[in-house]
Protein backbone atom coordinates (compact mmCIF):
# COMPACT_ATOMS: atom_id res chain seq x y z
CA UNK A 1 47.25 -14.56 12.69
CA UNK A 2 50.88 -15.62 12.45
CA UNK A 3 51.39 -13.32 9.46
CA UNK A 4 49.85 -10.50 11.49
CA UNK A 5 52.14 -11.22 14.46
CA UNK A 6 55.23 -11.17 12.27
CA UNK A 7 54.11 -8.02 10.45
CA UNK A 8 53.53 -6.19 13.74
CA UNK A 9 56.80 -7.41 15.21
CA UNK A 10 55.12 -9.01 18.24
CA UNK A 11 57.33 -11.62 19.88
CA UNK A 12 54.66 -13.28 22.08
CA UNK A 13 51.09 -12.34 22.82
CA UNK A 14 48.02 -13.09 24.90
CA UNK A 15 45.17 -14.59 22.91
CA UNK A 16 41.74 -13.15 23.74
CA UNK A 17 38.77 -14.67 21.95
CA UNK A 18 35.12 -15.50 22.43
CA UNK A 19 32.82 -18.00 20.74
CA UNK A 20 34.36 -18.63 17.30
CA UNK A 21 37.27 -16.53 18.59
CA UNK A 22 37.92 -19.12 21.31
CA UNK A 23 38.15 -21.80 18.61
CA UNK A 24 40.60 -19.68 16.64
CA UNK A 25 42.69 -18.86 19.73
CA UNK A 26 43.00 -22.53 20.67
CA UNK A 27 43.82 -23.64 17.13
CA UNK A 28 46.45 -20.91 16.73
CA UNK A 29 47.93 -21.55 20.17
CA UNK A 30 48.29 -25.25 19.49
CA UNK A 31 49.95 -24.53 16.15
CA UNK A 32 52.31 -21.85 17.57
CA UNK A 33 52.63 -22.47 21.34
CA UNK A 34 56.00 -20.69 21.61
CA UNK A 35 54.36 -17.46 20.46
CA UNK A 36 51.68 -17.44 23.17
CA UNK A 37 51.84 -16.01 26.70
CA UNK A 38 48.37 -17.07 27.81
CA UNK A 39 44.67 -17.14 26.98
CA UNK A 40 41.46 -15.38 27.92
CA UNK A 41 38.56 -17.30 26.39
CA UNK A 42 34.82 -16.62 26.49
CA UNK A 43 31.86 -18.76 25.45
CA UNK A 44 34.00 -21.74 24.47
CA UNK A 45 33.30 -23.42 21.14
CA UNK A 46 35.39 -26.56 20.50
CA UNK A 47 33.81 -27.24 17.11
CA UNK A 48 32.66 -30.71 18.00
CA UNK A 49 29.79 -31.99 15.81
CA UNK A 50 27.34 -31.83 18.70
CA UNK A 51 28.14 -28.13 19.17
CA UNK A 52 27.40 -27.35 15.54
CA UNK A 53 24.20 -29.38 15.70
CA UNK A 54 23.21 -27.50 18.86
CA UNK A 55 23.63 -24.19 17.05
CA UNK A 56 21.59 -25.34 14.07
CA UNK A 57 18.74 -27.00 15.99
CA UNK A 58 19.27 -27.25 19.75
CA UNK A 59 18.94 -23.54 20.51
CA UNK A 60 15.40 -23.82 19.27
CA UNK A 61 14.55 -25.79 22.41
CA UNK A 62 14.87 -22.57 24.40
CA UNK A 63 14.26 -19.99 21.68
CA UNK A 64 11.62 -21.58 19.43
CA UNK A 65 10.53 -18.25 17.94
CA UNK A 66 14.06 -17.36 16.82
CA UNK A 67 14.66 -20.84 15.47
CA UNK A 68 11.38 -20.87 13.58
CA UNK A 69 12.31 -17.61 11.85
CA UNK A 70 15.75 -19.03 11.06
CA UNK A 71 14.38 -22.20 9.45
CA UNK A 72 11.60 -20.34 7.66
CA UNK A 73 14.20 -18.69 5.42
CA UNK A 74 14.94 -22.07 3.83
CA UNK A 75 12.22 -24.00 1.91
CA UNK A 76 11.66 -27.44 3.40
CA UNK A 77 12.33 -29.02 0.00
CA UNK A 78 16.00 -28.00 0.22
CA UNK A 79 16.54 -30.27 3.21
CA UNK A 80 19.97 -29.47 4.71
CA UNK A 81 19.54 -26.05 6.32
CA UNK A 82 23.25 -25.43 6.84
CA UNK A 83 24.11 -26.21 3.23
CA UNK A 84 21.18 -24.08 2.02
CA UNK A 85 22.37 -21.09 4.04
CA UNK A 86 25.89 -21.59 2.71
CA UNK A 87 24.64 -21.45 -0.87
CA UNK A 88 22.84 -18.20 -0.17
CA UNK A 89 25.60 -16.58 1.85
CA UNK A 90 28.16 -17.27 -0.87
CA UNK A 91 25.88 -16.18 -3.70
CA UNK A 92 27.33 -13.05 -5.38
CA UNK A 93 23.94 -11.35 -5.55
CA UNK A 94 23.32 -9.02 -2.57
CA UNK A 95 19.60 -9.65 -2.98
CA UNK A 96 20.35 -13.26 -2.02
CA UNK A 97 23.23 -13.11 0.45
CA UNK A 98 22.18 -10.06 2.51
CA UNK A 99 18.74 -11.37 3.57
CA UNK A 100 20.35 -14.71 4.49
CA UNK A 101 23.02 -12.93 6.54
CA UNK A 102 20.42 -10.86 8.40
CA UNK A 103 18.42 -13.98 9.23
CA UNK A 104 21.54 -15.86 10.38
CA UNK A 105 22.74 -13.00 12.60
CA UNK A 106 19.24 -12.35 13.88
CA UNK A 107 18.96 -15.98 14.96
CA UNK A 108 22.23 -15.86 16.90
CA UNK A 109 21.48 -12.49 18.47
CA UNK A 110 18.04 -13.69 19.45
CA UNK A 111 19.61 -16.53 21.46
CA UNK A 112 22.71 -14.77 22.77
CA UNK A 113 21.53 -13.02 25.92
CA UNK A 114 20.00 -13.97 29.22
CA UNK A 115 17.47 -11.21 28.57
CA UNK A 116 16.86 -11.34 24.78
CA UNK A 117 16.68 -8.08 22.86
CA UNK A 118 15.11 -9.65 19.79
CA UNK A 119 16.63 -9.88 16.34
CA UNK A 120 19.29 -7.32 15.35
CA UNK A 121 17.66 -6.35 12.08
CA UNK A 122 19.46 -2.99 12.08
CA UNK A 123 22.98 -4.47 12.16
CA UNK A 124 25.45 -2.98 9.71
CA UNK A 125 25.10 -5.14 6.56
CA UNK A 126 28.81 -5.63 5.95
CA UNK A 127 29.56 -6.74 9.51
CA UNK A 128 26.51 -9.00 9.54
CA UNK A 129 27.49 -10.61 6.23
CA UNK A 130 31.08 -11.14 7.37
CA UNK A 131 30.04 -12.86 10.58
CA UNK A 132 27.42 -15.07 8.91
CA UNK A 133 29.75 -16.10 6.10
CA UNK A 134 32.63 -16.94 8.43
CA UNK A 135 30.50 -18.96 10.83
CA UNK A 136 28.67 -20.85 8.10
CA UNK A 137 31.83 -21.45 6.04
CA UNK A 138 33.64 -23.06 8.96
CA UNK A 139 30.61 -25.06 10.04
CA UNK A 140 30.20 -26.50 6.56
CA UNK A 141 33.87 -27.55 6.60
CA UNK A 142 33.89 -28.89 10.19
CA UNK A 143 36.12 -26.03 11.26
CA UNK A 144 38.94 -27.45 9.13
CA UNK A 145 39.74 -29.52 12.23
CA UNK A 146 39.96 -33.24 12.78
CA UNK A 147 37.38 -34.73 15.20
CA UNK A 148 38.18 -33.70 18.76
CA UNK A 149 41.35 -31.92 17.68
CA UNK A 150 41.26 -29.02 20.12
CA UNK A 151 41.03 -31.28 23.17
CA UNK A 152 43.38 -33.89 21.70
CA UNK A 153 46.12 -31.31 21.09
CA UNK A 154 45.71 -29.58 24.44
CA UNK A 155 49.07 -30.95 25.73
CA UNK A 156 50.76 -28.48 23.38
CA UNK A 157 49.49 -25.55 25.44
CA UNK A 158 48.63 -27.04 28.84
CA UNK A 159 51.71 -25.37 30.38
CA UNK A 160 50.26 -21.93 29.55
CA UNK A 161 47.86 -20.01 31.82
CA UNK A 162 44.26 -19.59 30.72
CA UNK A 163 41.17 -17.93 32.13
CA UNK A 164 37.85 -19.11 30.75
CA UNK A 165 34.79 -16.88 31.19
CA UNK A 166 31.49 -18.64 30.59
CA UNK A 167 27.88 -17.55 30.99
CA UNK A 168 25.93 -20.13 32.97
CA UNK A 169 22.96 -19.69 30.62
CA UNK A 170 24.91 -19.50 27.37
CA UNK A 171 22.58 -21.02 24.79
CA UNK A 172 24.89 -20.46 21.80
CA UNK A 173 27.92 -22.22 23.27
CA UNK A 174 26.62 -24.24 26.24
CA UNK A 175 28.80 -24.43 29.39
CA UNK A 176 29.68 -28.10 28.90
CA UNK A 177 32.38 -27.15 26.38
CA UNK A 178 34.05 -24.69 28.75
CA UNK A 179 33.80 -27.29 31.50
CA UNK A 180 35.38 -29.99 29.33
CA UNK A 181 38.20 -27.66 28.32
CA UNK A 182 38.97 -26.58 31.89
CA UNK A 183 38.84 -30.16 33.14
CA UNK A 184 41.64 -31.15 30.75
CA UNK A 185 43.76 -28.01 31.24
CA UNK A 186 45.66 -27.90 34.57
CA UNK A 187 46.53 -24.18 34.33
CA UNK A 188 43.07 -23.07 33.24
CA UNK A 189 40.71 -21.26 35.60
CA UNK A 190 37.01 -21.40 34.77
CA UNK A 191 34.88 -18.43 35.81
CA UNK A 192 31.20 -19.26 35.50
CA UNK A 193 29.11 -16.09 35.39
CA UNK A 194 25.78 -16.97 37.05
CA UNK A 195 23.59 -14.30 35.46
CA UNK A 196 24.68 -14.25 31.82
CA UNK A 197 24.22 -15.90 28.46
CA UNK A 198 26.59 -15.78 25.50
CA UNK A 199 27.09 -12.12 24.70
CA UNK A 200 30.29 -10.37 25.73
CA UNK A 201 28.18 -7.24 26.21
CA UNK A 202 26.28 -8.59 29.21
CA UNK A 203 27.38 -6.84 32.44
CA UNK A 204 28.58 -9.95 34.26
CA UNK A 205 30.60 -11.18 31.28
CA UNK A 206 32.20 -7.76 30.75
CA UNK A 207 33.27 -7.52 34.38
CA UNK A 208 34.64 -11.07 34.38
CA UNK A 209 36.65 -10.43 31.20
CA UNK A 210 38.19 -7.27 32.65
CA UNK A 211 39.04 -9.16 35.85
CA UNK A 212 40.54 -11.97 33.77
CA UNK A 213 42.86 -9.59 31.95
CA UNK A 214 43.93 -7.94 35.20
CA UNK A 215 44.59 -11.35 36.77
CA UNK A 216 46.58 -12.55 33.78
CA UNK A 217 48.60 -9.33 33.83
CA UNK A 218 49.62 -10.14 37.40
CA UNK A 219 50.39 -13.75 36.53
CA UNK A 220 52.63 -12.78 33.63
CA UNK A 221 54.31 -10.05 35.64
């Protein structure tokens, strides 16, 4: 991101990210606070172990069908489901990594909305593979973050404005993470959308994100 900023000749910018993008925005902002004007974050993911565990197993409490299909892709004998998916997603053979990517993305999509649309089996293969590989790669490596890092290093950016948009019924990144972040960030405003899950494409989330950008535009003048 810093290489991109320098290449584009951007002096300071607003960071806009959802889900894994919120993790990336926070990590970048804490590493380069002087380059950031503010934040708009959606579906906060702080990469705490409990959040990863929730993704791998907890979502199945509410979406047992989606979780059963997810786990069914991995033989029980292999044990660690995350590690097993990582092996498949990084396998060079498309016959191995593409089915794993479709299952991974289908699982997330199946849990991402207040009104589920089912698995996104028709997703573009390249985009699906990219998302699955990135998510799994960072989960396997604990986000390349130390435990609790994003909350611990919040003082580096607490002087900057932030608007957090969170679906009340977000089952991919539960609201507790957004709540914890806002509670420790004096200049953060938390907007809880009452009729939405995780997806940025849900009407309430879309409207709240547009309003957040308009509000931040006024704040920054």
